[in-house]
Amino acid sequence: MINLGNIILRNWQEKDIKSLSRNANNKKIWDNLRDEFPYPYTELAAKQWIEIANQDKPLTNFAIEYKGKAIGGIGIILQTDVFRKSAEIGYWIGEKYWNKGITTKSINAMVDYSFKTFDINRIFATIFESNIASIRVLKKCGFKEEAYLKGAILKNNQVQDCLICSLLKSDFVAESTL
């Protein structure tokens, strides 16, 4: 558990099923995530996710809790083989909670946890070109634009470009000690 005051990053729990399905069942959220994130997001999908999310030890997927309710999720996917020193970060938050600084605080905490817990050197995110808010929040958290992949995404039957942003452990450590 990572306590940030009124925001807590913690393991997903069965009590989160209703809140998870209510907050995740939003096309605006789905439009900016990979197709494996279900839409509509049902209580069954929430139950299945909670079972999957708690399998890794140490945890790689967390519920974002705000004022006692799970309102979003954040996690990393540890890479393998020659990319084993990297992890991909992903996150989402219920629309009602956008523009409140919750995502920024959650990303910073997840990055700190990930660099301290896992033997990684780099955390990256792949963002749809249309997701301006996510690009903005990542830059606020110290991520730098690394690559722009033309025509790399097919979402809603539309081809989009993809931006890759990353943060190196050495840059994160340097920024956090200032």
C-alpha atoms as a PDB file:
ATOM      1  CA  MET A   1       0.000   0.000   0.000  1.00  0.00           C
ATOM      2  CA  ILE A   2       1.228   3.479  -0.890  1.00  0.00           C
ATOM      3  CA  ASN A   3      -0.387   6.221   1.170  1.00  0.00           C
ATOM      4  CA  LEU A   4      -0.436   9.702  -0.379  1.00  0.00           C
ATOM      5  CA  GLY A   5      -2.868  11.253   2.086  1.00  0.00           C
ATOM      6  CA  ASN A   6      -6.301  11.322   0.467  1.00  0.00           C
ATOM      7  CA  ILE A   7      -5.034   9.041  -2.321  1.00  0.00           C
ATOM      8  CA  ILE A   8      -3.975   5.455  -1.660  1.00  0.00           C
ATOM      9  CA  LEU A   9      -2.485   2.975  -4.117  1.00  0.00           C
ATOM     10  CA  ARG A  10      -3.411  -0.487  -2.879  1.00  0.00           C
ATOM     11  CA  ASN A  11      -4.248  -3.975  -4.051  1.00  0.00           C
ATOM     12  CA  TRP A  12      -7.594  -4.515  -5.764  1.00  0.00           C
ATOM     13  CA  GLN A  13     -10.236  -6.028  -3.476  1.00  0.00           C
ATOM     14  CA  GLU A  14     -13.567  -7.750  -3.960  1.00  0.00           C
ATOM     15  CA  LYS A  15     -15.293  -4.734  -2.368  1.00  0.00           C
ATOM     16  CA  ASP A  16     -14.098  -2.681  -5.405  1.00  0.00           C
ATOM     17  CA  ILE A  17     -16.228  -4.547  -7.968  1.00  0.00           C
ATOM     18  CA  LYS A  18     -19.091  -2.025  -8.109  1.00  0.00           C
ATOM     19  CA  SER A  19     -16.865   1.063  -7.986  1.00  0.00           C
ATOM     20  CA  LEU A  20     -14.479  -0.388 -10.575  1.00  0.00           C
ATOM     21  CA  SER A  21     -17.217  -1.286 -13.027  1.00  0.00           C
ATOM     22  CA  ARG A  22     -18.998   2.063 -12.504  1.00  0.00           C
ATOM     23  CA  ASN A  23     -15.847   4.168 -13.084  1.00  0.00           C
ATOM     24  CA  ALA A  24     -14.363   2.019 -15.869  1.00  0.00           C
ATOM     25  CA  ASN A  25     -17.586   1.708 -17.865  1.00  0.00           C
ATOM     26  CA  ASN A  26     -16.994   4.889 -19.838  1.00  0.00           C
ATOM     27  CA  LYS A  27     -16.337   5.076 -23.577  1.00  0.00           C
ATOM     28  CA  LYS A  28     -14.160   8.180 -23.106  1.00  0.00           C
ATOM     29  CA  ILE A  29     -11.806   6.072 -20.977  1.00  0.00           C
ATOM     30  CA  TRP A  30     -11.960   3.078 -23.319  1.00  0.00           C
ATOM     31  CA  ASP A  31     -11.185   5.331 -26.307  1.00  0.00           C
ATOM     32  CA  ASN A  32      -7.707   5.973 -24.851  1.00  0.00           C
ATOM     33  CA  LEU A  33      -6.859   2.437 -23.760  1.00  0.00           C
ATOM     34  CA  ARG A  34      -5.969  -0.795 -25.494  1.00  0.00           C
ATOM     35  CA  ASP A  35      -8.840  -2.925 -26.726  1.00  0.00           C
ATOM     36  CA  GLU A  36      -8.128  -5.550 -24.053  1.00  0.00           C
ATOM     37  CA  PHE A  37      -9.650  -3.096 -21.555  1.00  0.00           C
ATOM     38  CA  PRO A  38     -13.319  -4.116 -21.842  1.00  0.00           C
ATOM     39  CA  TYR A  39     -16.196  -1.883 -22.854  1.00  0.00           C
ATOM     40  CA  PRO A  40     -18.825  -2.045 -21.654  1.00  0.00           C
ATOM     41  CA  TYR A  41     -17.075  -2.715 -18.344  1.00  0.00           C
ATOM     42  CA  THR A  42     -19.283  -5.098 -16.388  1.00  0.00           C
ATOM     43  CA  GLU A  43     -19.134  -6.323 -12.811  1.00  0.00           C
ATOM     44  CA  LEU A  44     -17.986  -9.686 -14.191  1.00  0.00           C
ATOM     45  CA  ALA A  45     -15.076  -7.953 -15.959  1.00  0.00           C
ATOM     46  CA  ALA A  46     -14.246  -6.169 -12.688  1.00  0.00           C
ATOM     47  CA  LYS A  47     -14.269  -9.459 -10.752  1.00  0.00           C
ATOM     48  CA  GLN A  48     -12.002 -11.097 -13.346  1.00  0.00           C
ATOM     49  CA  TRP A  49      -9.583  -8.143 -13.306  1.00  0.00           C
ATOM     50  CA  ILE A  50      -9.315  -8.189  -9.512  1.00  0.00           C
ATOM     51  CA  GLU A  51      -8.307 -11.864  -9.638  1.00  0.00           C
ATOM     52  CA  ILE A  52      -5.647 -11.168 -12.288  1.00  0.00           C
ATOM     53  CA  ALA A  53      -4.331  -7.937 -10.750  1.00  0.00           C
ATOM     54  CA  ASN A  54      -3.379  -9.497  -7.432  1.00  0.00           C
ATOM     55  CA  GLN A  55      -1.328 -12.390  -8.843  1.00  0.00           C
ATOM     56  CA  ASP A  56       2.062 -10.685  -9.076  1.00  0.00           C
ATOM     57  CA  LYS A  57       4.243 -10.556  -5.976  1.00  0.00           C
ATOM     58  CA  PRO A  58       5.409  -7.899  -5.438  1.00  0.00           C
ATOM     59  CA  LEU A  59       2.319  -6.193  -6.846  1.00  0.00           C
ATOM     60  CA  THR A  60       2.510  -4.532 -10.252  1.00  0.00           C
ATOM     61  CA  ASN A  61      -1.150  -3.389 -10.427  1.00  0.00           C
ATOM     62  CA  PHE A  62      -2.869  -1.107  -7.942  1.00  0.00           C
ATOM     63  CA  ALA A  63      -6.272   0.383  -7.359  1.00  0.00           C
ATOM     64  CA  ILE A  64      -6.248   4.159  -7.042  1.00  0.00           C
ATOM     65  CA  GLU A  65      -8.367   4.846  -3.970  1.00  0.00           C
ATOM     66  CA  TYR A  66      -9.717   8.324  -3.326  1.00  0.00           C
ATOM     67  CA  LYS A  67     -11.861   9.117  -0.305  1.00  0.00           C
ATOM     68  CA  GLY A  68     -12.365   5.428   0.403  1.00  0.00           C
ATOM     69  CA  LYS A  69     -13.391   4.335  -3.119  1.00  0.00           C
ATOM     70  CA  ALA A  70     -11.445   2.688  -5.950  1.00  0.00           C
ATOM     71  CA  ILE A  71     -11.698   5.263  -8.745  1.00  0.00           C
ATOM     72  CA  GLY A  72      -9.040   4.054 -11.170  1.00  0.00           C
ATOM     73  CA  GLY A  73      -6.084   1.821 -11.711  1.00  0.00           C
ATOM     74  CA  ILE A  74      -2.357   2.064 -12.278  1.00  0.00           C
ATOM     75  CA  GLY A  75       0.266  -0.558 -12.976  1.00  0.00           C
ATOM     76  CA  ILE A  76       3.387  -1.591 -14.792  1.00  0.00           C
ATOM     77  CA  ILE A  77       4.187  -4.397 -17.181  1.00  0.00           C
ATOM     78  CA  LEU A  78       7.715  -5.621 -16.606  1.00  0.00           C
ATOM     79  CA  GLN A  79       9.407  -6.285 -19.931  1.00  0.00           C
ATOM     80  CA  THR A  80      11.411  -9.404 -20.754  1.00  0.00           C
ATOM     81  CA  ASP A  81      14.489 -10.586 -22.631  1.00  0.00           C
ATOM     82  CA  VAL A  82      16.702  -7.716 -23.830  1.00  0.00           C
ATOM     83  CA  PHE A  83      14.070  -5.230 -22.600  1.00  0.00           C
ATOM     84  CA  ARG A  84      14.122  -6.617 -19.041  1.00  0.00           C
ATOM     85  CA  LYS A  85      15.403  -3.332 -17.565  1.00  0.00           C
ATOM     86  CA  SER A  86      12.235  -1.548 -18.766  1.00  0.00           C
ATOM     87  CA  ALA A  87       8.629  -1.460 -17.612  1.00  0.00           C
ATOM     88  CA  GLU A  88       5.560  -0.018 -19.318  1.00  0.00           C
ATOM     89  CA  ILE A  89       3.257   2.062 -17.139  1.00  0.00           C
ATOM     90  CA  GLY A  90      -0.470   2.254 -17.703  1.00  0.00           C
ATOM     91  CA  TYR A  91      -3.244   4.008 -15.818  1.00  0.00           C
ATOM     92  CA  TRP A  92      -6.805   5.261 -15.992  1.00  0.00           C
ATOM     93  CA  ILE A  93      -9.083   7.199 -13.689  1.00  0.00           C
ATOM     94  CA  GLY A  94     -12.848   7.720 -13.563  1.00  0.00           C
ATOM     95  CA  GLU A  95     -13.995  10.799 -15.497  1.00  0.00           C
ATOM     96  CA  LYS A  96     -15.510  12.377 -12.384  1.00  0.00           C
ATOM     97  CA  TYR A  97     -11.962  12.585 -10.967  1.00  0.00           C
ATOM     98  CA  TRP A  98     -10.164  14.116 -13.953  1.00  0.00           C
ATOM     99  CA  ASN A  99      -8.226  17.376 -13.508  1.00  0.00           C
ATOM    100  CA  LYS A 100      -7.823  17.037  -9.738  1.00  0.00           C
ATOM    101  CA  GLY A 101      -4.105  16.092  -9.643  1.00  0.00           C
ATOM    102  CA  ILE A 102      -4.904  12.497  -8.644  1.00  0.00           C
ATOM    103  CA  THR A 103      -3.316  10.968 -11.749  1.00  0.00           C
ATOM    104  CA  THR A 104      -0.134  13.035 -11.398  1.00  0.00           C
ATOM    105  CA  LYS A 105       0.326  12.009  -7.753  1.00  0.00           C
ATOM    106  CA  SER A 106      -0.452   8.384  -8.599  1.00  0.00           C
ATOM    107  CA  ILE A 107       2.053   8.246 -11.473  1.00  0.00           C
ATOM    108  CA  ASN A 108       4.815   9.815  -9.363  1.00  0.00           C
ATOM    109  CA  ALA A 109       4.161   7.317  -6.561  1.00  0.00           C
ATOM    110  CA  MET A 110       4.034   4.367  -8.972  1.00  0.00           C
ATOM    111  CA  VAL A 111       7.310   5.423 -10.597  1.00  0.00           C
ATOM    112  CA  ASP A 112       8.987   5.755  -7.189  1.00  0.00           C
ATOM    113  CA  TYR A 113       7.643   2.348  -6.083  1.00  0.00           C
ATOM    114  CA  SER A 114       8.658   0.692  -9.361  1.00  0.00           C
ATOM    115  CA  PHE A 115      12.234   1.984  -9.360  1.00  0.00           C
ATOM    116  CA  LYS A 116      12.669   0.986  -5.694  1.00  0.00           C
ATOM    117  CA  THR A 117      11.003  -2.435  -5.997  1.00  0.00           C
ATOM    118  CA  PHE A 118      12.124  -3.784  -9.366  1.00  0.00           C
ATOM    119  CA  ASP A 119      15.486  -4.013 -11.098  1.00  0.00           C
ATOM    120  CA  ILE A 120      14.551  -1.609 -13.891  1.00  0.00           C
ATOM    121  CA  ASN A 121      16.260   1.376 -15.465  1.00  0.00           C
ATOM    122  CA  ARG A 122      13.440   2.851 -17.552  1.00  0.00           C
ATOM    123  CA  ILE A 123       9.677   3.299 -17.373  1.00  0.00           C
ATOM    124  CA  PHE A 124       7.797   4.128 -20.548  1.00  0.00           C
ATOM    125  CA  ALA A 125       4.252   4.813 -21.648  1.00  0.00           C
ATOM    126  CA  THR A 126       2.613   4.472 -25.048  1.00  0.00           C
ATOM    127  CA  ILE A 127      -0.003   7.166 -25.564  1.00  0.00           C
ATOM    128  CA  PHE A 128      -2.504   7.642 -28.361  1.00  0.00           C
ATOM    129  CA  GLU A 129      -1.882  10.924 -30.165  1.00  0.00           C
ATOM    130  CA  SER A 130      -5.440  12.017 -29.322  1.00  0.00           C
ATOM    131  CA  ASN A 131      -4.883  11.651 -25.562  1.00  0.00           C
ATOM    132  CA  ILE A 132      -3.514  15.152 -24.929  1.00  0.00           C
ATOM    133  CA  ALA A 133      -4.321  15.058 -21.193  1.00  0.00           C
ATOM    134  CA  SER A 134      -2.230  11.919 -20.672  1.00  0.00           C
ATOM    135  CA  ILE A 135       0.701  13.374 -22.606  1.00  0.00           C
ATOM    136  CA  ARG A 136       0.499  16.488 -20.422  1.00  0.00           C
ATOM    137  CA  VAL A 137       0.419  14.566 -17.131  1.00  0.00           C
ATOM    138  CA  LEU A 138       3.362  12.358 -18.112  1.00  0.00           C
ATOM    139  CA  LYS A 139       5.465  15.417 -18.986  1.00  0.00           C
ATOM    140  CA  LYS A 140       4.483  16.945 -15.640  1.00  0.00           C
ATOM    141  CA  CYS A 141       5.862  13.778 -14.019  1.00  0.00           C
ATOM    142  CA  GLY A 142       9.221  14.144 -15.800  1.00  0.00           C
ATOM    143  CA  PHE A 143       8.649  11.798 -18.752  1.00  0.00           C
ATOM    144  CA  LYS A 144      10.305  12.848 -22.013  1.00  0.00           C
ATOM    145  CA  GLU A 145       9.093  12.261 -25.560  1.00  0.00           C
ATOM    146  CA  GLU A 146      11.123   9.420 -26.980  1.00  0.00           C
ATOM    147  CA  ALA A 147       9.428   8.314 -30.189  1.00  0.00           C
ATOM    148  CA  TYR A 148       6.515   9.132 -32.430  1.00  0.00           C
ATOM    149  CA  LEU A 149       5.171   6.079 -34.220  1.00  0.00           C
ATOM    150  CA  LYS A 150       3.200   7.042 -37.328  1.00  0.00           C
ATOM    151  CA  GLY A 151       0.048   5.035 -37.979  1.00  0.00           C
ATOM    152  CA  ALA A 152       0.870   2.537 -35.218  1.00  0.00           C
ATOM    153  CA  ILE A 153      -2.551   2.273 -33.559  1.00  0.00           C
ATOM    154  CA  LEU A 154      -5.942   1.130 -34.796  1.00  0.00           C
ATOM    155  CA  LYS A 155      -8.681   2.205 -32.375  1.00  0.00           C
ATOM    156  CA  ASN A 156     -12.371   2.645 -33.192  1.00  0.00           C
ATOM    157  CA  ASN A 157     -11.531   1.673 -36.793  1.00  0.00           C
ATOM    158  CA  GLN A 158      -9.288   4.739 -37.073  1.00  0.00           C
ATOM    159  CA  VAL A 159      -5.535   4.720 -37.513  1.00  0.00           C
ATOM    160  CA  GLN A 160      -3.705   6.944 -35.052  1.00  0.00           C
ATOM    161  CA  ASP A 161      -0.138   7.851 -34.293  1.00  0.00           C
ATOM    162  CA  CYS A 162       1.420   6.766 -30.998  1.00  0.00           C
ATOM    163  CA  LEU A 163       3.757   8.713 -28.757  1.00  0.00           C
ATOM    164  CA  ILE A 164       6.227   6.937 -26.501  1.00  0.00           C
ATOM    165  CA  CYS A 165       7.390   8.821 -23.427  1.00  0.00           C
ATOM    166  CA  SER A 166       9.939   7.515 -20.953  1.00  0.00           C
ATOM    167  CA  LEU A 167      11.636   8.300 -17.688  1.00  0.00           C
ATOM    168  CA  LEU A 168      15.052   6.931 -16.766  1.00  0.00           C
ATOM    169  CA  LYS A 169      15.810   5.990 -13.182  1.00  0.00           C
ATOM    170  CA  SER A 170      18.856   8.284 -13.188  1.00  0.00           C
ATOM    171  CA  ASP A 171      16.688  11.252 -14.218  1.00  0.00           C
ATOM    172  CA  PHE A 172      14.035  10.394 -11.629  1.00  0.00           C
ATOM    173  CA  VAL A 173      16.565  10.100  -8.824  1.00  0.00           C
ATOM    174  CA  ALA A 174      18.185  13.398  -9.877  1.00  0.00           C
ATOM    175  CA  GLU A 175      14.801  15.193  -9.911  1.00  0.00           C
ATOM    176  CA  SER A 176      13.613  13.748  -6.600  1.00  0.00           C
ATOM    177  CA  THR A 177      16.750  14.896  -4.739  1.00  0.00           C
ATOM    178  CA  LEU A 178      16.508  18.540  -5.844  1.00  0.00           C
END
